[in-house]
């Protein structure tokens, strides 16, 4: 009986030792193993600048899931009124839901139709040729930050055609704390407004 107990103790201690060695070799903590990296960990929302860098990466990579995490629940996309007639939008703005539906169509790599029923070729690639902020973030009266960006974005379309967006893009970002409701972690930023001013 004593030999059986000793054998069980040795077995348990061996398993514990192996576990610690595995953690040490992989560099993972027990918390990381219990909570593996999620998609949200792949984007950085710690500052307004980090948020916009994540925007360029996720939009350029056509990653709908990560892109959706950048957008605030009250997100509004405002069209440039000079280009609405040419491109087909029949609305003055998109809500977050509208924007994600539009992004899903753009990111899918499949042909579709616009809001006027016109055929739209598949978008095969989105290339940020140029992206730079003009000046610094401006603090608005409600605590949000407003930034103006100069963009040159090329959308490669099916059939070797392309569509180019060149000019000003105005973004409004705000802090949100629901990412860290447990543990009292820092706030994170999300995009709450995107105004198209390029004129396309």
Protein backbone atom coordinates (compact mmCIF):
# COMPACT_ATOMS: atom_id res chain seq x y z
CA UNK A 1 0.00 0.00 0.00
CA UNK A 2 2.83 2.37 0.93
CA UNK A 3 4.53 1.63 -2.42
CA UNK A 4 1.31 2.48 -4.29
CA UNK A 5 0.96 5.85 -2.47
CA UNK A 6 4.61 6.66 -3.10
CA UNK A 7 4.20 5.78 -6.78
CA UNK A 8 1.14 8.06 -7.06
CA UNK A 9 2.97 10.94 -5.35
CA UNK A 10 5.94 10.54 -7.71
CA UNK A 11 3.59 10.46 -10.73
CA UNK A 12 1.76 13.64 -9.62
CA UNK A 13 5.04 15.47 -8.92
CA UNK A 14 6.40 14.41 -12.31
CA UNK A 15 3.29 15.77 -14.09
CA UNK A 16 3.56 19.07 -12.22
CA UNK A 17 7.25 19.36 -13.12
CA UNK A 18 6.51 18.66 -16.79
CA UNK A 19 3.80 21.33 -16.77
CA UNK A 20 6.18 23.96 -15.37
CA UNK A 21 8.89 22.99 -17.85
CA UNK A 22 6.40 23.26 -20.73
CA UNK A 23 5.31 26.73 -19.59
CA UNK A 24 8.91 27.82 -19.30
CA UNK A 25 9.84 26.57 -22.75
CA UNK A 26 6.83 28.06 -24.52
CA UNK A 27 7.00 31.38 -22.67
CA UNK A 28 3.30 31.21 -21.82
CA UNK A 29 1.85 31.94 -18.46
CA UNK A 30 -1.00 29.86 -17.01
CA UNK A 31 -3.32 32.82 -17.70
CA UNK A 32 -2.28 32.85 -21.37
CA UNK A 33 -2.95 29.16 -21.70
CA UNK A 34 -6.35 29.52 -20.05
CA UNK A 35 -7.11 32.58 -22.22
CA UNK A 36 -5.44 32.09 -25.63
CA UNK A 37 -4.94 35.11 -27.89
CA UNK A 38 -8.16 36.26 -29.46
CA UNK A 39 -8.67 38.17 -32.69
CA UNK A 40 -9.02 41.36 -30.63
CA UNK A 41 -5.46 40.93 -29.37
CA UNK A 42 -4.18 41.23 -32.93
CA UNK A 43 -5.19 44.90 -33.15
CA UNK A 44 -3.88 47.78 -31.08
CA UNK A 45 -6.43 50.27 -29.79
CA UNK A 46 -4.39 51.78 -26.96
CA UNK A 47 -4.09 55.25 -28.53
CA UNK A 48 -5.75 57.12 -31.37
CA UNK A 49 -2.59 56.63 -33.46
CA UNK A 50 -2.55 52.88 -32.74
CA UNK A 51 -6.21 52.69 -33.74
CA UNK A 52 -5.57 54.34 -37.11
CA UNK A 53 -2.56 52.10 -37.78
CA UNK A 54 -4.83 49.11 -37.11
CA UNK A 55 -7.43 50.64 -39.45
CA UNK A 56 -4.95 50.80 -42.34
CA UNK A 57 -3.81 47.23 -41.68
CA UNK A 58 -7.23 45.61 -41.28
CA UNK A 59 -8.88 47.56 -44.13
CA UNK A 60 -5.94 46.91 -46.43
CA UNK A 61 -5.99 43.20 -45.55
CA UNK A 62 -9.79 43.14 -46.00
CA UNK A 63 -10.26 41.56 -42.57
CA UNK A 64 -13.93 42.08 -41.82
CA UNK A 65 -13.88 40.64 -38.29
CA UNK A 66 -11.03 42.82 -37.09
CA UNK A 67 -12.35 45.87 -38.96
CA UNK A 68 -15.66 45.54 -37.14
CA UNK A 69 -13.84 45.71 -33.80
CA UNK A 70 -12.44 49.13 -34.71
CA UNK A 71 -15.89 50.67 -35.15
CA UNK A 72 -17.88 52.14 -32.26
CA UNK A 73 -21.52 51.10 -31.84
CA UNK A 74 -22.57 54.63 -32.84
CA UNK A 75 -20.24 54.81 -35.85
CA UNK A 76 -21.34 57.02 -38.76
CA UNK A 77 -19.76 57.14 -42.24
CA UNK A 78 -20.63 60.35 -44.10
CA UNK A 79 -20.43 60.42 -47.89
CA UNK A 80 -18.96 63.30 -49.83
CA UNK A 81 -22.13 64.84 -51.34
CA UNK A 82 -20.25 65.56 -54.60
CA UNK A 83 -19.68 61.88 -55.34
CA UNK A 84 -22.90 60.23 -54.19
CA UNK A 85 -24.56 60.46 -57.61
CA UNK A 86 -21.56 59.00 -59.43
CA UNK A 87 -20.90 56.05 -57.12
CA UNK A 88 -24.44 55.05 -56.38
CA UNK A 89 -25.08 55.67 -52.64
CA UNK A 90 -28.63 56.86 -52.06
CA UNK A 91 -27.98 57.80 -48.44
CA UNK A 92 -26.11 60.69 -46.87
CA UNK A 93 -24.46 58.40 -44.33
CA UNK A 94 -23.95 54.81 -43.25
CA UNK A 95 -24.43 53.44 -39.75
CA UNK A 96 -22.04 50.84 -38.35
CA UNK A 97 -24.32 48.09 -39.62
CA UNK A 98 -24.47 49.65 -43.11
CA UNK A 99 -20.70 50.08 -43.18
CA UNK A 100 -20.05 46.46 -42.23
CA UNK A 101 -22.47 45.22 -44.89
CA UNK A 102 -20.65 47.36 -47.46
CA UNK A 103 -17.25 46.23 -46.17
CA UNK A 104 -18.32 42.58 -46.32
CA UNK A 105 -19.17 43.03 -50.01
CA UNK A 106 -15.89 44.86 -50.72
CA UNK A 107 -13.74 42.42 -48.77
CA UNK A 108 -15.38 39.26 -50.16
CA UNK A 109 -13.55 39.27 -53.49
CA UNK A 110 -16.86 38.73 -55.28
CA UNK A 111 -18.77 40.89 -57.77
CA UNK A 112 -21.98 42.51 -56.54
CA UNK A 113 -24.42 45.37 -57.03
CA UNK A 114 -24.55 48.81 -55.45
CA UNK A 115 -27.53 50.47 -53.78
CA UNK A 116 -28.87 51.58 -57.18
CA UNK A 117 -28.82 48.03 -58.56
CA UNK A 118 -25.76 48.68 -60.74
CA UNK A 119 -23.22 45.88 -61.23
CA UNK A 120 -19.98 46.34 -59.28
CA UNK A 121 -16.87 44.27 -60.13
CA UNK A 122 -15.07 42.28 -57.45
CA UNK A 123 -12.38 44.08 -55.43
CA UNK A 124 -9.26 41.93 -55.46
CA UNK A 125 -6.90 44.14 -53.45
CA UNK A 126 -6.87 47.38 -51.43
CA UNK A 127 -3.53 49.18 -51.52
CA UNK A 128 -2.83 52.17 -49.26
CA UNK A 129 -0.32 53.94 -51.51
CA UNK A 130 -0.22 56.95 -49.21
CA UNK A 131 -1.66 57.62 -45.76
CA UNK A 132 -0.60 60.51 -43.54
CA UNK A 133 -2.21 62.63 -40.89
CA UNK A 134 -2.40 66.39 -41.39
CA UNK A 135 -1.32 68.03 -38.14
CA UNK A 136 -2.30 66.48 -34.84
CA UNK A 137 -5.50 65.25 -33.25
CA UNK A 138 -7.95 68.02 -32.28
CA UNK A 139 -9.86 67.63 -29.03
CA UNK A 140 -13.55 68.37 -29.55
CA UNK A 141 -15.88 69.78 -26.87
CA UNK A 142 -17.42 66.36 -26.20
CA UNK A 143 -14.03 64.73 -25.53
CA UNK A 144 -13.70 63.02 -28.91
CA UNK A 145 -10.62 63.41 -31.08
CA UNK A 146 -10.78 64.58 -34.69
CA UNK A 147 -8.02 63.86 -37.19
CA UNK A 148 -7.62 64.74 -40.87
CA UNK A 149 -5.76 62.29 -43.12
CA UNK A 150 -4.52 62.53 -46.68
CA UNK A 151 -5.13 59.28 -48.51
CA UNK A 152 -4.24 57.63 -51.78
CA UNK A 153 -5.94 54.26 -51.80
CA UNK A 154 -6.12 52.04 -54.88
CA UNK A 155 -8.82 49.38 -55.16
CA UNK A 156 -7.75 46.75 -57.70
CA UNK A 157 -10.85 45.48 -59.48
CA UNK A 158 -11.58 42.31 -61.37
CA UNK A 159 -10.46 42.58 -64.97
CA UNK A 160 -7.31 44.60 -64.16
CA UNK A 161 -9.27 47.82 -63.68
CA UNK A 162 -8.84 49.98 -60.58
CA UNK A 163 -10.66 52.59 -58.55
CA UNK A 164 -8.72 55.27 -56.71
CA UNK A 165 -9.57 57.36 -53.65
CA UNK A 166 -7.27 60.36 -53.29
CA UNK A 167 -7.79 63.22 -50.85
CA UNK A 168 -8.98 64.04 -47.37
CA UNK A 169 -10.54 61.60 -44.94
CA UNK A 170 -11.72 62.93 -41.58
CA UNK A 171 -11.89 60.52 -38.64
CA UNK A 172 -13.41 61.02 -35.22
CA UNK A 173 -12.34 58.62 -32.49
CA UNK A 174 -13.50 58.12 -28.93
CA UNK A 175 -12.47 56.12 -25.89
CA UNK A 176 -14.46 53.11 -24.77
CA UNK A 177 -13.97 51.14 -21.57
CA UNK A 178 -16.03 48.01 -22.21
CA UNK A 179 -12.90 46.14 -23.37
CA UNK A 180 -11.71 45.97 -19.75
CA UNK A 181 -14.81 45.91 -17.60
CA UNK A 182 -13.15 43.28 -15.41
CA UNK A 183 -9.84 44.23 -13.84
CA UNK A 184 -10.05 47.98 -14.34
CA UNK A 185 -7.69 48.06 -17.34
CA UNK A 186 -7.09 51.09 -19.54
CA UNK A 187 -9.58 52.52 -22.00
CA UNK A 188 -9.34 51.71 -25.69
CA UNK A 189 -10.16 53.80 -28.76
CA UNK A 190 -12.69 53.13 -31.52
CA UNK A 191 -13.68 55.01 -34.66
CA UNK A 192 -17.02 56.77 -34.22
CA UNK A 193 -16.98 58.92 -37.35
CA UNK A 194 -15.51 58.76 -40.86
CA UNK A 195 -16.18 61.63 -43.27
CA UNK A 196 -15.28 61.23 -46.94
CA UNK A 197 -13.95 64.52 -48.34
CA UNK A 198 -11.75 63.32 -51.20
CA UNK A 199 -14.27 64.07 -53.93
CA UNK A 200 -13.03 60.83 -55.51
